[in-house]
Protein backbone atom coordinates (compact mmCIF):
# COMPACT_ATOMS: atom_id res chain seq x y z
CA MET A 1 135.98 -67.99 -86.36
CA ILE A 2 136.54 -70.51 -88.56
CA ASP A 3 138.50 -69.98 -91.86
CA GLY A 4 140.81 -71.97 -94.45
CA PRO A 5 140.01 -75.45 -95.36
CA ALA A 6 137.79 -75.95 -92.45
CA ALA A 7 135.71 -73.28 -93.46
CA HIS A 8 135.62 -74.22 -96.70
CA TYR A 9 134.46 -77.70 -96.06
CA LEU A 10 131.48 -76.33 -93.60
CA LEU A 11 130.59 -73.69 -96.23
CA HIS A 12 130.63 -75.41 -99.61
CA VAL A 13 130.53 -79.30 -98.63
CA MET A 14 128.22 -79.28 -95.50
CA ARG A 15 126.52 -76.13 -96.88
CA MET A 16 126.11 -74.64 -93.24
CA LYS A 17 124.30 -71.34 -93.01
CA ALA A 18 123.64 -69.02 -90.14
CA GLY A 19 121.57 -70.52 -87.56
CA ASP A 20 122.77 -74.09 -87.94
CA PRO A 21 124.21 -75.99 -85.12
CA ILE A 22 127.63 -77.37 -84.88
CA LEU A 23 129.47 -79.64 -82.36
CA LEU A 24 133.21 -78.66 -81.42
CA PHE A 25 135.74 -80.22 -79.52
CA ASP A 26 139.01 -78.63 -78.46
CA ASN A 27 141.32 -81.36 -77.05
CA ILE A 28 141.25 -79.72 -73.60
CA SER A 29 137.61 -79.38 -72.05
CA GLY A 30 135.63 -81.56 -74.16
CA GLU A 31 132.61 -81.20 -76.59
CA TRP A 32 130.53 -77.90 -77.10
CA LEU A 33 127.50 -76.94 -78.96
CA ALA A 34 127.80 -73.91 -81.07
CA VAL A 35 125.55 -72.13 -83.63
CA VAL A 36 126.70 -70.37 -86.81
CA ALA A 37 126.25 -66.65 -86.09
CA ASP A 38 127.44 -65.55 -89.36
CA ALA A 39 128.49 -67.13 -92.51
CA ALA A 40 130.71 -65.32 -95.02
CA LYS A 41 132.10 -66.32 -98.31
CA ARG A 42 135.43 -67.91 -96.77
CA SER A 43 134.62 -68.04 -92.85
CA LEU A 44 132.39 -68.80 -90.23
CA THR A 45 131.85 -66.85 -87.14
CA LEU A 46 130.26 -69.25 -84.33
CA ARG A 47 128.31 -68.61 -81.16
CA ILE A 48 129.33 -71.19 -78.44
CA GLU A 49 125.69 -72.26 -76.75
CA ARG A 50 126.70 -74.85 -74.10
CA GLN A 51 129.08 -77.66 -73.13
CA ILE A 52 127.86 -80.95 -74.17
CA SER A 53 130.46 -83.23 -72.12
CA GLU A 54 133.65 -83.52 -70.46
CA ILE A 55 136.75 -84.57 -72.47
CA GLU A 56 136.83 -88.39 -72.57
CA GLN A 57 139.13 -90.55 -70.69
CA VAL A 58 140.70 -92.95 -73.03
CA PRO A 59 142.47 -96.31 -72.19
CA ASP A 60 146.20 -95.98 -71.74
CA LEU A 61 147.30 -98.00 -74.66
CA TRP A 62 150.14 -97.02 -76.99
CA LEU A 63 150.54 -98.36 -80.56
CA CYS A 64 154.20 -98.51 -81.41
CA PHE A 65 154.57 -99.35 -85.15
CA ALA A 66 156.88 -99.28 -88.13
CA PRO A 67 155.95 -97.14 -90.72
CA VAL A 68 154.60 -98.43 -94.00
CA LYS A 69 153.76 -96.72 -97.27
CA LYS A 70 151.45 -93.70 -97.59
CA ALA A 71 148.00 -95.29 -97.81
CA ARG A 72 148.47 -98.14 -95.31
CA LEU A 73 150.27 -95.63 -92.79
CA ASP A 74 146.89 -93.56 -92.95
CA TRP A 75 144.84 -96.54 -92.34
CA ILE A 76 146.86 -97.47 -89.39
CA ILE A 77 146.64 -93.85 -88.15
CA GLU A 78 142.99 -93.43 -88.73
CA LYS A 79 141.88 -96.98 -87.37
CA ALA A 80 143.99 -96.76 -84.20
CA THR A 81 142.48 -93.35 -83.55
CA GLU A 82 139.22 -94.69 -83.99
CA LEU A 83 139.62 -97.54 -81.69
CA GLY A 84 140.76 -95.31 -78.78
CA VAL A 85 144.63 -95.41 -78.49
CA SER A 86 146.07 -92.70 -76.60
CA ARG A 87 149.52 -92.54 -78.27
CA LEU A 88 151.10 -93.29 -81.72
CA GLN A 89 154.63 -94.10 -81.73
CA PRO A 90 156.34 -94.64 -84.99
CA VAL A 91 159.22 -97.00 -84.55
CA ILE A 92 162.11 -97.56 -87.09
CA THR A 93 163.39 -101.01 -87.29
CA GLU A 94 166.05 -102.63 -89.50
CA ARG A 95 163.61 -103.54 -92.18
CA THR A 96 161.69 -100.42 -91.98
CA ILE A 97 161.32 -98.84 -95.46
CA VAL A 98 159.57 -95.65 -94.81
CA GLU A 99 161.67 -93.92 -92.18
CA ARG A 100 160.21 -90.33 -92.76
CA VAL A 101 156.61 -89.62 -91.74
CA LYS A 102 154.86 -86.35 -92.55
CA SER A 103 153.63 -85.25 -89.20
CA GLU A 104 151.33 -82.50 -90.43
CA ARG A 105 149.58 -84.90 -92.61
CA LEU A 106 149.21 -87.57 -90.16
CA GLU A 107 147.97 -84.79 -87.44
CA ALA A 108 145.44 -83.95 -89.90
CA GLN A 109 144.39 -87.46 -90.22
CA ILE A 110 144.13 -87.79 -86.60
CA VAL A 111 141.57 -84.93 -86.44
CA GLU A 112 139.41 -86.21 -89.13
CA ALA A 113 139.43 -89.63 -87.58
CA CYS A 114 138.14 -88.17 -84.29
CA GLU A 115 135.51 -85.94 -85.89
CA GLN A 116 134.27 -89.30 -87.59
CA CYS A 117 134.00 -91.31 -84.66
CA GLY A 118 133.09 -88.37 -81.79
CA ARG A 119 136.33 -88.60 -80.04
CA THR A 120 137.08 -85.66 -77.89
CA ALA A 121 140.73 -86.48 -76.99
CA LEU A 122 143.22 -86.69 -79.54
CA PRO A 123 145.66 -89.31 -79.48
CA THR A 124 149.57 -88.05 -79.13
CA LEU A 125 151.58 -88.35 -82.40
CA ALA A 126 155.24 -88.80 -81.32
CA GLU A 127 158.34 -88.35 -83.44
CA PRO A 128 159.84 -91.44 -84.78
CA VAL A 129 162.43 -93.13 -82.80
CA LYS A 130 164.83 -96.29 -83.28
CA LEU A 131 163.71 -99.60 -81.75
CA PRO A 132 167.01 -99.36 -79.43
CA GLN A 133 166.19 -96.04 -78.40
CA LEU A 134 162.49 -96.54 -77.61
CA LEU A 135 163.49 -99.76 -75.40
CA LYS A 136 166.28 -97.83 -73.67
CA ASP A 137 163.99 -94.99 -72.85
CA TRP A 138 161.00 -97.30 -72.07
CA PRO A 139 158.95 -96.45 -69.19
CA ALA A 140 158.81 -98.41 -65.96
CA GLY A 141 155.29 -100.11 -65.29
CA ARG A 142 154.21 -100.22 -68.92
CA THR A 143 153.92 -103.66 -70.51
CA LEU A 144 155.21 -103.88 -73.95
CA LEU A 145 153.10 -106.41 -76.14
CA PHE A 146 155.58 -107.39 -78.76
CA ALA A 147 153.65 -109.10 -81.76
CA ASP A 148 156.21 -111.44 -82.95
CA GLU A 149 155.59 -113.23 -86.33
CA ALA A 150 157.82 -116.03 -85.01
CA GLY A 151 155.09 -116.82 -82.50
CA GLY A 152 154.13 -116.06 -78.77
CA ALA A 153 151.44 -116.29 -76.38
CA PRO A 154 147.88 -115.58 -78.10
CA LEU A 155 147.11 -111.86 -77.10
CA ALA A 156 143.83 -113.00 -75.91
CA SER A 157 145.41 -115.06 -73.32
CA ILE A 158 147.46 -112.46 -71.80
CA ASP A 159 146.57 -110.47 -68.71
CA ALA A 160 148.13 -106.84 -69.81
CA PRO A 161 145.99 -104.06 -68.35
CA ALA A 162 146.86 -100.29 -68.78
CA PRO A 163 149.15 -98.84 -69.02
CA ALA A 164 150.37 -101.02 -71.74
CA ALA A 165 151.73 -100.64 -75.48
CA ILE A 166 151.61 -102.87 -78.57
CA LEU A 167 154.53 -103.26 -80.87
CA THR A 168 154.23 -104.25 -84.63
CA GLY A 169 156.92 -104.42 -87.17
CA PRO A 170 157.20 -103.77 -90.90
CA GLU A 171 156.33 -105.94 -93.75
CA GLY A 172 159.54 -107.77 -93.69
CA GLY A 173 159.17 -108.44 -89.91
CA PHE A 174 161.70 -108.26 -87.21
CA THR A 175 165.31 -109.39 -87.37
CA GLU A 176 166.71 -111.86 -85.18
CA ARG A 177 169.01 -109.09 -83.53
CA GLU A 178 165.89 -107.25 -82.78
CA ARG A 179 164.07 -110.08 -81.31
CA GLU A 180 167.07 -110.83 -78.98
CA LEU A 181 166.99 -107.24 -78.01
CA LEU A 182 163.29 -107.19 -77.55
CA THR A 183 162.79 -110.29 -75.36
CA GLY A 184 165.76 -109.45 -73.16
CA ASN A 185 163.74 -106.45 -72.12
CA PRO A 186 161.74 -107.28 -68.86
CA ALA A 187 158.84 -105.13 -69.93
CA VAL A 188 158.52 -107.07 -73.27
CA ARG A 189 155.99 -109.82 -73.60
CA ARG A 190 155.88 -111.95 -76.99
CA ILE A 191 152.39 -112.07 -78.50
CA ALA A 192 150.98 -114.03 -81.52
CA LEU A 193 147.83 -112.89 -83.60
CA GLY A 194 146.58 -116.09 -84.86
CA PRO A 195 147.76 -118.69 -87.41
CA ARG A 196 147.75 -116.55 -90.59
CA ILE A 197 150.28 -114.13 -91.84
CA LEU A 198 148.96 -110.73 -91.62
CA ARG A 199 150.06 -107.41 -93.15
CA ALA A 200 151.71 -104.86 -90.99
CA GLU A 201 148.77 -102.67 -90.95
CA THR A 202 146.36 -105.26 -90.18
CA ALA A 203 148.53 -106.75 -87.36
CA ALA A 204 148.45 -103.46 -85.82
CA ILE A 205 144.76 -102.88 -85.87
CA ALA A 206 144.01 -106.34 -84.98
CA ALA A 207 146.10 -106.08 -81.78
CA VAL A 208 144.67 -103.06 -80.63
CA GLY A 209 141.10 -104.55 -81.15
CA ILE A 210 141.84 -107.64 -79.11
CA TRP A 211 143.55 -105.54 -76.24
CA MET A 212 140.44 -102.94 -76.32
CA ALA A 213 138.06 -105.67 -76.23
CA GLN A 214 139.88 -107.30 -73.24
CA ASN A 215 141.21 -104.08 -71.22
CA GLY A 216 139.64 -100.90 -72.94
CA ASP A 217 136.61 -99.32 -72.85
CA TRP A 218 134.68 -101.17 -75.26
CA SER A 219 132.51 -102.69 -72.48
CA ALA A 220 131.18 -99.28 -71.23
CA GLY A 221 128.66 -99.31 -74.03
CA ALA A 222 127.50 -95.89 -75.46
């Protein structure tokens, strides 16, 4: 049975009624075809018909990003989910203005993005962590592509297959102390994202797009 906001959307926006088909995903087994068995005023009862597909295997790419203000943060979450990242990791840097993120709201944003793009495996939304702690706990074998506004090798020229991660900073960029900390870590590789100054949210999504085109599942087709 479906109730609450989801039921309201299906009943009053999508105008679903008994007999209508609906696709479901559970983030465990994959995608399923169901039929509305009963449509009440505030809830729907569904009947599962059959499994459509197994849960997808997304590329093992993390997006580590400094949180930005609400609308821009929502955009990062939405687009990174659509592009196929496996983990979203907020990182608190010295110049990060927004240090608290509302996980419940962002989780809802993730679900909506998955519904929109047909994704059946939700990315993990991690708790915010300070940059030094992130580097201290960094897992062996995972390359961290550090998008440094001060310069680096073009991302398109770097061979960094999964498991990998991308790190983008806040609007004010990284401090020199943070750059030293990052470049001193053997897992880190400095990258550049072109000749123009990008907003934090643009840099994050541009980097994910480049990596996915080179190392992700974009070449697999539909």
